[in-house]
Protein backbone atom coordinates (compact mmCIF):
# COMPACT_ATOMS: atom_id res chain seq x y z
CA MET A 1 -101.99 -28.83 -15.87
CA ASN A 2 -99.48 -26.60 -17.98
CA ILE A 3 -96.04 -24.95 -17.15
CA PRO A 4 -96.61 -22.13 -14.94
CA ASN A 5 -98.59 -24.76 -12.49
CA LEU A 6 -95.62 -27.74 -12.85
CA ILE A 7 -92.42 -24.49 -12.60
CA THR A 8 -95.05 -23.77 -9.88
CA LEU A 9 -95.03 -27.20 -8.45
CA GLY A 10 -91.20 -27.98 -8.81
CA ARG A 11 -91.29 -24.70 -6.23
CA VAL A 12 -93.32 -26.77 -4.28
CA ILE A 13 -90.82 -30.03 -4.07
CA LEU A 14 -88.34 -27.66 -3.06
CA VAL A 15 -89.62 -26.79 0.36
CA PRO A 16 -88.82 -29.51 1.71
CA VAL A 17 -85.42 -30.18 -0.07
CA VAL A 18 -84.28 -26.67 1.39
CA PHE A 19 -85.77 -27.03 4.91
CA TRP A 20 -83.63 -30.42 4.90
CA LEU A 21 -80.39 -27.99 3.61
CA LEU A 22 -80.56 -25.70 6.16
CA VAL A 23 -80.87 -28.24 9.48
CA SER A 24 -78.46 -29.88 7.66
CA GLY A 25 -75.74 -27.48 7.53
CA GLN A 26 -75.82 -27.24 4.61
CA THR A 27 -76.70 -23.49 4.71
CA GLN A 28 -74.34 -22.61 1.20
CA LEU A 29 -76.77 -24.64 -0.93
CA ALA A 30 -79.95 -23.92 1.02
CA PHE A 31 -78.92 -20.67 -0.64
CA PHE A 32 -78.94 -21.22 -4.30
CA ALA A 33 -82.54 -23.34 -3.72
CA PHE A 34 -83.89 -20.01 -2.12
CA VAL A 35 -82.65 -17.88 -5.46
CA LEU A 36 -83.73 -21.11 -7.60
CA ALA A 37 -87.54 -20.91 -6.07
CA GLY A 38 -87.44 -17.17 -6.66
CA ILE A 39 -86.18 -17.35 -9.88
CA SER A 40 -88.89 -20.33 -11.09
CA ASP A 41 -91.90 -18.21 -9.31
CA ALA A 42 -90.50 -14.93 -11.52
CA VAL A 43 -90.74 -17.50 -14.80
CA ASP A 44 -93.85 -19.55 -13.88
CA GLY A 45 -95.43 -15.92 -13.71
CA PHE A 46 -94.13 -14.55 -16.53
CA ILE A 47 -94.95 -17.48 -18.72
CA ALA A 48 -98.32 -17.41 -17.14
CA LYS A 49 -98.68 -13.97 -18.78
CA ARG A 50 -96.62 -13.56 -21.69
CA PHE A 51 -98.21 -16.59 -22.82
CA GLY A 52 -102.46 -16.34 -21.12
CA LEU A 53 -101.65 -20.14 -19.42
CA SER A 54 -103.05 -18.64 -16.71
CA THR A 55 -105.34 -20.81 -14.33
CA GLU A 56 -107.40 -21.19 -11.56
CA LEU A 57 -105.54 -23.91 -10.04
CA GLY A 58 -101.95 -21.51 -10.29
CA ALA A 59 -103.90 -18.68 -8.77
CA TYR A 60 -103.85 -21.26 -5.98
CA LEU A 61 -100.66 -23.16 -5.97
CA ASP A 62 -98.82 -20.06 -6.75
CA PRO A 63 -98.85 -18.02 -3.27
CA LEU A 64 -99.25 -20.89 -2.00
CA ALA A 65 -96.11 -22.53 -2.54
CA ASP A 66 -94.45 -18.85 -1.49
CA LYS A 67 -95.87 -19.35 1.63
CA LEU A 68 -94.99 -22.90 2.28
CA LEU A 69 -91.78 -22.25 1.35
CA ILE A 70 -91.65 -18.61 3.68
CA VAL A 71 -92.60 -20.00 6.06
CA SER A 72 -90.43 -23.44 6.09
CA ILE A 73 -87.04 -21.28 5.67
CA PHE A 74 -88.57 -19.26 8.73
CA VAL A 75 -89.61 -22.30 10.97
CA ALA A 76 -85.49 -23.70 10.28
CA LEU A 77 -83.54 -20.37 10.42
CA GLY A 78 -85.78 -20.43 13.91
CA VAL A 79 -84.88 -23.48 15.09
CA MET A 80 -80.87 -22.34 14.00
CA GLY A 81 -81.87 -19.84 16.05
CA ALA A 82 -80.80 -17.20 13.57
CA LEU A 83 -83.96 -15.98 13.52
CA PRO A 84 -85.70 -14.87 17.06
CA SER A 85 -88.35 -17.26 17.74
CA TRP A 86 -90.53 -13.58 18.48
CA LEU A 87 -90.08 -13.29 14.56
CA VAL A 88 -90.98 -16.75 13.41
CA ILE A 89 -94.22 -16.85 15.67
CA ALA A 90 -95.22 -14.16 14.04
CA VAL A 91 -94.74 -15.00 10.95
CA VAL A 92 -96.09 -18.59 11.09
CA SER A 93 -98.96 -16.87 13.21
CA ARG A 94 -99.90 -14.76 10.45
CA ASP A 95 -101.03 -17.08 7.50
CA ILE A 96 -102.14 -19.35 10.49
CA LEU A 97 -104.92 -16.71 10.76
CA ILE A 98 -105.54 -15.73 7.55
CA VAL A 99 -106.33 -19.38 6.73
CA LEU A 100 -108.45 -19.57 9.82
CA GLY A 101 -110.41 -16.38 8.70
CA VAL A 102 -111.48 -17.51 5.22
CA MET A 103 -112.12 -20.78 5.86
CA LEU A 104 -114.47 -19.76 8.76
CA SER A 105 -115.83 -17.05 6.31
CA TRP A 106 -116.72 -20.06 3.58
CA LEU A 107 -118.57 -21.79 6.59
CA LEU A 108 -120.31 -19.52 7.71
CA ASP A 109 -121.29 -18.72 3.90
CA GLN A 110 -119.64 -15.01 3.67
CA PRO A 111 -117.38 -16.11 1.05
CA VAL A 112 -114.35 -13.58 1.26
CA ARG A 113 -112.20 -12.51 -1.83
CA ILE A 114 -108.25 -12.96 -1.23
CA ARG A 115 -107.04 -10.51 -2.22
CA PRO A 116 -102.75 -8.84 -1.21
CA LEU A 117 -103.63 -5.42 0.87
CA ILE A 118 -100.05 -3.31 -0.50
CA VAL A 119 -99.00 -3.83 3.41
CA SER A 120 -98.52 -7.50 2.52
CA LYS A 121 -97.10 -7.43 -0.55
CA ALA A 122 -94.20 -5.17 1.26
CA ASN A 123 -94.21 -7.61 4.48
CA THR A 124 -94.04 -10.98 1.78
CA LEU A 125 -91.22 -8.60 -0.05
CA ALA A 126 -89.41 -8.14 3.25
CA GLN A 127 -89.03 -11.80 4.12
CA ILE A 128 -88.25 -12.63 1.02
CA VAL A 129 -84.91 -10.32 1.57
CA LEU A 130 -84.21 -10.78 5.68
CA ALA A 131 -84.61 -14.87 4.54
CA ALA A 132 -82.00 -14.56 1.25
CA THR A 133 -79.79 -11.89 3.50
CA VAL A 134 -79.28 -14.84 6.53
CA LEU A 135 -79.04 -17.41 3.97
CA ALA A 136 -76.14 -16.06 1.96
CA ASP A 137 -74.72 -14.11 5.93
CA ASP A 138 -74.79 -17.53 7.21
CA GLY A 139 -73.80 -20.01 4.51
CA PHE A 140 -70.61 -16.80 2.95
CA LYS A 141 -69.48 -15.24 6.14
CA LEU A 142 -70.47 -12.07 4.97
CA GLY A 143 -71.05 -10.08 8.31
CA LEU A 144 -74.26 -8.78 7.53
CA GLU A 145 -75.59 -8.63 11.21
CA GLY A 146 -76.93 -4.95 11.38
CA LEU A 147 -78.10 -5.60 8.06
CA ARG A 148 -80.24 -8.88 9.95
CA ILE A 149 -81.05 -6.74 13.34
CA ALA A 150 -83.24 -3.72 10.35
CA LEU A 151 -84.78 -6.54 8.28
CA VAL A 152 -85.67 -8.80 11.57
CA TRP A 153 -87.88 -5.27 12.34
CA ILE A 154 -88.21 -4.33 10.07
CA VAL A 155 -90.29 -7.70 8.88
CA GLY A 156 -91.56 -7.99 12.69
CA VAL A 157 -93.47 -4.50 12.03
CA LEU A 158 -94.77 -5.58 8.61
CA THR A 159 -95.68 -8.86 9.77
CA ILE A 160 -98.32 -6.75 12.57
CA ALA A 161 -99.20 -4.51 9.80
CA SER A 162 -100.42 -6.99 7.61
CA LEU A 163 -102.11 -9.19 10.45
CA ALA A 164 -104.43 -5.77 11.85
CA ALA A 165 -104.90 -4.37 7.74
CA TYR A 166 -106.21 -8.11 7.05
CA LEU A 167 -108.18 -8.43 10.55
CA ARG A 168 -109.80 -5.01 9.41
CA ALA A 169 -110.37 -6.60 6.06
CA TRP A 170 -112.20 -9.40 7.09
CA LEU A 171 -114.23 -8.02 9.73
CA ARG A 172 -115.72 -5.17 7.30
CA HIS A 173 -116.54 -7.71 5.05
CA MET A 174 -117.75 -10.57 8.64
CA SER A 175 -120.32 -7.61 9.52
CA GLY A 176 -121.10 -6.89 6.00
């Protein structure tokens, strides 16, 4: 356990806080907590790389913290009606299917090495931008409806493309 891992754990702890803030209607505070989580992600990564404090725990914990935050925000925004249900289902289902694929490969004694694909990185970035846009727009009444609609479709397309790319890579791996 080191400083970057503690910062990452702090981000994990922020997940239920952000979720609660959203479902209780405190969108402005949820926006600021989301920004804090984003800053903490950058800080823990910088410290780990700059001072040689990268660990195996951190390699698993950091992306897990990011996914927990994004999925919880998408679910909360979906429940609130701020995001369309089809998009929330697509985002959550993609993550579940990827985890199930990794677990199945381990169970079949063909562990797969997890590497983020370029389309997956673009997808994650788009999800973060969409979440931040919706939180800011709902919290501060910015009038960003057109941007929100465009981002919803971008995230939808990237989510499906990312799932297809991971499925293709997984099938290649499993078939030898």
